[in-house]
Amino acid sequence: MFKVLFTVAMVYGVWFVFKHWNRITAAHKVVMDEKRREAADQAARAPRTPVAQDLVPCPKCGSYIAAGSPCSCEKA
């Protein structure tokens, strides 16, 4: 008798876990889709503009680097 009750309890437990796992997965998918949609809407509303940086020649090697950053020749 114990084996039958144990088997029924295990089947119910597995069914219960899968039922709630599917609910959690579906809710997570809805939230992620909404976040993706919001990000796409935000990207469409405000297109990114590239940021320009002034380049200056390195006094030692002459290669152009961003103003205010060290040259790779100084690192060596």
C-alpha atoms as a PDB file:
ATOM      1  CA  MET A   1       0.000   0.000   0.000  1.00  0.00           C
ATOM      2  CA  PHE A   2       2.859   2.357   0.846  1.00  0.00           C
ATOM      3  CA  LYS A   3       4.469   1.818  -2.565  1.00  0.00           C
ATOM      4  CA  VAL A   4       1.267   2.793  -4.371  1.00  0.00           C
ATOM      5  CA  LEU A   5       0.821   5.957  -2.303  1.00  0.00           C
ATOM      6  CA  PHE A   6       4.473   6.850  -2.744  1.00  0.00           C
ATOM      7  CA  THR A   7       4.221   6.387  -6.524  1.00  0.00           C
ATOM      8  CA  VAL A   8       1.072   8.524  -6.711  1.00  0.00           C
ATOM      9  CA  ALA A   9       2.738  11.216  -4.589  1.00  0.00           C
ATOM     10  CA  MET A  10       5.827  11.213  -6.817  1.00  0.00           C
ATOM     11  CA  VAL A  11       3.749  11.480  -9.999  1.00  0.00           C
ATOM     12  CA  TYR A  12       1.768  14.355  -8.490  1.00  0.00           C
ATOM     13  CA  GLY A  13       4.987  16.055  -7.332  1.00  0.00           C
ATOM     14  CA  VAL A  14       6.586  15.824 -10.788  1.00  0.00           C
ATOM     15  CA  TRP A  15       3.380  17.098 -12.439  1.00  0.00           C
ATOM     16  CA  PHE A  16       3.179  19.984  -9.940  1.00  0.00           C
ATOM     17  CA  VAL A  17       6.802  21.012 -10.577  1.00  0.00           C
ATOM     18  CA  PHE A  18       6.407  20.941 -14.362  1.00  0.00           C
ATOM     19  CA  LYS A  19       3.141  22.877 -14.193  1.00  0.00           C
ATOM     20  CA  HIS A  20       4.715  25.688 -12.179  1.00  0.00           C
ATOM     21  CA  TRP A  21       7.942  25.576 -14.184  1.00  0.00           C
ATOM     22  CA  ASN A  22       5.949  26.188 -17.370  1.00  0.00           C
ATOM     23  CA  ARG A  23       4.123  29.107 -15.735  1.00  0.00           C
ATOM     24  CA  ILE A  24       7.401  30.681 -14.628  1.00  0.00           C
ATOM     25  CA  THR A  25       8.955  30.167 -18.065  1.00  0.00           C
ATOM     26  CA  ALA A  26       5.961  31.724 -19.823  1.00  0.00           C
ATOM     27  CA  ALA A  27       5.960  34.733 -17.476  1.00  0.00           C
ATOM     28  CA  HIS A  28       9.710  35.195 -17.976  1.00  0.00           C
ATOM     29  CA  LYS A  29       9.259  35.081 -21.758  1.00  0.00           C
ATOM     30  CA  VAL A  30       6.542  37.749 -21.601  1.00  0.00           C
ATOM     31  CA  VAL A  31       8.743  40.036 -19.502  1.00  0.00           C
ATOM     32  CA  MET A  32      11.778  39.562 -21.748  1.00  0.00           C
ATOM     33  CA  ASP A  33       9.703  40.202 -24.893  1.00  0.00           C
ATOM     34  CA  GLU A  34       8.364  43.399 -23.356  1.00  0.00           C
ATOM     35  CA  LYS A  35      11.875  44.555 -22.432  1.00  0.00           C
ATOM     36  CA  ARG A  36      13.096  43.799 -25.964  1.00  0.00           C
ATOM     37  CA  ARG A  37      10.165  45.719 -27.439  1.00  0.00           C
ATOM     38  CA  GLU A  38      10.823  48.719 -25.155  1.00  0.00           C
ATOM     39  CA  ALA A  39      14.515  48.703 -26.053  1.00  0.00           C
ATOM     40  CA  ALA A  40      13.695  48.592 -29.753  1.00  0.00           C
ATOM     41  CA  ASP A  41      11.212  51.448 -29.380  1.00  0.00           C
ATOM     42  CA  GLN A  42      13.733  53.504 -27.448  1.00  0.00           C
ATOM     43  CA  ALA A  43      16.437  52.835 -30.041  1.00  0.00           C
ATOM     44  CA  ALA A  44      14.066  53.842 -32.830  1.00  0.00           C
ATOM     45  CA  ARG A  45      13.100  57.082 -31.078  1.00  0.00           C
ATOM     46  CA  ALA A  46      16.630  58.240 -30.273  1.00  0.00           C
ATOM     47  CA  PRO A  47      19.133  57.181 -32.920  1.00  0.00           C
ATOM     48  CA  ARG A  48      22.662  57.065 -31.630  1.00  0.00           C
ATOM     49  CA  THR A  49      25.026  59.655 -32.958  1.00  0.00           C
ATOM     50  CA  PRO A  50      28.722  58.861 -33.076  1.00  0.00           C
ATOM     51  CA  VAL A  51      30.917  60.836 -30.718  1.00  0.00           C
ATOM     52  CA  ALA A  52      33.844  62.522 -32.429  1.00  0.00           C
ATOM     53  CA  GLN A  53      37.211  62.716 -30.699  1.00  0.00           C
ATOM     54  CA  ASP A  54      40.050  65.042 -31.514  1.00  0.00           C
ATOM     55  CA  LEU A  55      43.233  63.258 -32.509  1.00  0.00           C
ATOM     56  CA  VAL A  56      46.677  64.653 -31.820  1.00  0.00           C
ATOM     57  CA  PRO A  57      50.038  63.319 -33.005  1.00  0.00           C
ATOM     58  CA  CYS A  58      52.264  61.661 -30.427  1.00  0.00           C
ATOM     59  CA  PRO A  59      55.393  63.764 -29.880  1.00  0.00           C
ATOM     60  CA  LYS A  60      57.654  60.683 -29.729  1.00  0.00           C
ATOM     61  CA  CYS A  61      56.443  58.388 -32.513  1.00  0.00           C
ATOM     62  CA  GLY A  62      54.087  60.615 -34.534  1.00  0.00           C
ATOM     63  CA  SER A  63      51.088  58.256 -34.526  1.00  0.00           C
ATOM     64  CA  TYR A  64      47.697  59.864 -33.956  1.00  0.00           C
ATOM     65  CA  ILE A  65      46.002  59.205 -30.616  1.00  0.00           C
ATOM     66  CA  ALA A  66      42.952  60.586 -28.817  1.00  0.00           C
ATOM     67  CA  ALA A  67      43.677  63.822 -27.009  1.00  0.00           C
ATOM     68  CA  GLY A  68      44.509  63.202 -23.354  1.00  0.00           C
ATOM     69  CA  SER A  69      45.270  59.488 -23.667  1.00  0.00           C
ATOM     70  CA  PRO A  70      48.752  57.951 -23.441  1.00  0.00           C
ATOM     71  CA  CYS A  71      50.386  56.560 -26.561  1.00  0.00           C
ATOM     72  CA  SER A  72      51.371  52.919 -26.807  1.00  0.00           C
ATOM     73  CA  CYS A  73      55.017  53.925 -27.303  1.00  0.00           C
ATOM     74  CA  GLU A  74      55.068  55.263 -23.711  1.00  0.00           C
ATOM     75  CA  LYS A  75      53.814  51.950 -22.342  1.00  0.00           C
ATOM     76  CA  ALA A  76      56.731  49.969 -23.762  1.00  0.00           C
END
